[in-house]
Amino acid sequence: MPPDPEPWLPSDTPAEIREFAIESLRWQAQEIIDELLSSTDPADEMAKARVRRFLAQNPGQPEKALLEQLMAREDGPGL
């Protein structure tokens, strides 16, 4: 059996509630990303470049891009 793609939702969640929860999470993640990308603070440039890369690696899944952004260490390897 393949792993549940959304482990944060109970497996017995009805499909329509599951779909709503996933879309809601995606919308919220995209709002956070849009806020970061609209920043004019020069100190945010590295974070903006990194989130753009994570968005490109996770097309249509801003929640995964945001998770990777949050897990990325500021002093980690370069872009």
Protein backbone atom coordinates (compact mmCIF):
# COMPACT_ATOMS: atom_id res chain seq x y z
CA MET A 1 0.00 0.00 0.00
CA PRO A 2 1.47 3.40 -0.97
CA PRO A 3 1.97 5.94 1.81
CA ASP A 4 -0.82 8.44 2.40
CA PRO A 5 0.12 11.61 0.47
CA GLU A 6 -1.48 13.74 3.19
CA PRO A 7 -0.51 12.04 6.48
CA TRP A 8 -1.89 14.94 8.52
CA LEU A 9 -5.45 13.95 7.50
CA PRO A 10 -7.01 10.83 9.01
CA SER A 11 -7.41 8.11 6.38
CA ASP A 12 -11.16 7.89 7.01
CA THR A 13 -11.72 11.58 6.19
CA PRO A 14 -14.47 11.91 3.58
CA ALA A 15 -13.17 12.85 0.12
CA GLU A 16 -14.93 16.22 -0.04
CA ILE A 17 -13.57 17.28 3.36
CA ARG A 18 -10.11 16.01 2.41
CA GLU A 19 -10.20 18.04 -0.82
CA PHE A 20 -11.40 21.16 1.01
CA ALA A 21 -8.67 20.82 3.67
CA ILE A 22 -5.92 20.38 1.08
CA GLU A 23 -7.12 23.33 -1.02
CA SER A 24 -7.41 25.49 2.10
CA LEU A 25 -3.87 24.59 3.15
CA ARG A 26 -2.58 25.35 -0.35
CA TRP A 27 -4.31 28.71 -0.39
CA GLN A 28 -2.87 29.66 3.01
CA ALA A 29 0.63 28.55 2.03
CA GLN A 30 0.43 30.55 -1.20
CA GLU A 31 -0.67 33.64 0.75
CA ILE A 32 2.40 33.32 3.01
CA ILE A 33 4.70 32.81 0.01
CA ASP A 34 3.18 35.79 -1.81
CA GLU A 35 3.79 37.94 1.26
CA LEU A 36 7.46 36.91 1.33
CA LEU A 37 7.90 37.46 -2.40
CA SER A 38 6.39 40.94 -2.20
CA SER A 39 8.91 42.01 0.45
CA THR A 40 11.18 44.89 -0.52
CA ASP A 41 13.62 44.25 2.32
CA PRO A 42 17.04 43.42 0.84
CA ALA A 43 17.62 41.01 3.75
CA ASP A 44 14.87 38.78 2.32
CA GLU A 45 16.53 38.21 -1.07
CA MET A 46 18.09 34.84 -0.15
CA ALA A 47 14.80 33.57 1.29
CA LYS A 48 12.95 34.77 -1.80
CA ALA A 49 15.38 32.98 -4.13
CA ARG A 50 15.11 29.83 -2.07
CA VAL A 51 11.30 29.83 -2.01
CA ARG A 52 11.23 30.39 -5.78
CA ARG A 53 13.42 27.30 -6.18
CA PHE A 54 11.16 25.27 -3.88
CA LEU A 55 8.09 26.43 -5.84
CA ALA A 56 9.73 25.28 -9.08
CA GLN A 57 10.51 21.90 -7.50
CA ASN A 58 6.91 21.51 -6.24
CA PRO A 59 4.63 22.85 -9.00
CA GLY A 60 1.06 23.26 -7.83
CA GLN A 61 2.01 22.41 -4.25
CA PRO A 62 2.87 25.64 -2.45
CA GLU A 63 2.37 23.89 0.91
CA LYS A 64 5.32 21.62 0.16
CA ALA A 65 7.41 24.54 -1.06
CA LEU A 66 6.62 26.46 2.13
CA LEU A 67 7.47 23.45 4.28
CA GLU A 68 10.85 23.14 2.56
CA GLN A 69 11.39 26.87 3.03
CA LEU A 70 10.64 26.61 6.74
CA MET A 71 12.95 23.63 7.13
CA ALA A 72 15.82 25.29 5.22
CA ARG A 73 18.58 26.59 7.42
CA GLU A 74 19.76 30.12 6.86
CA ASP A 75 23.38 29.04 7.34
CA GLY A 76 23.00 25.86 5.27
CA PRO A 77 24.40 25.11 1.82
CA GLY A 78 23.99 27.77 -0.84
CA LEU A 79 21.25 27.93 -3.43
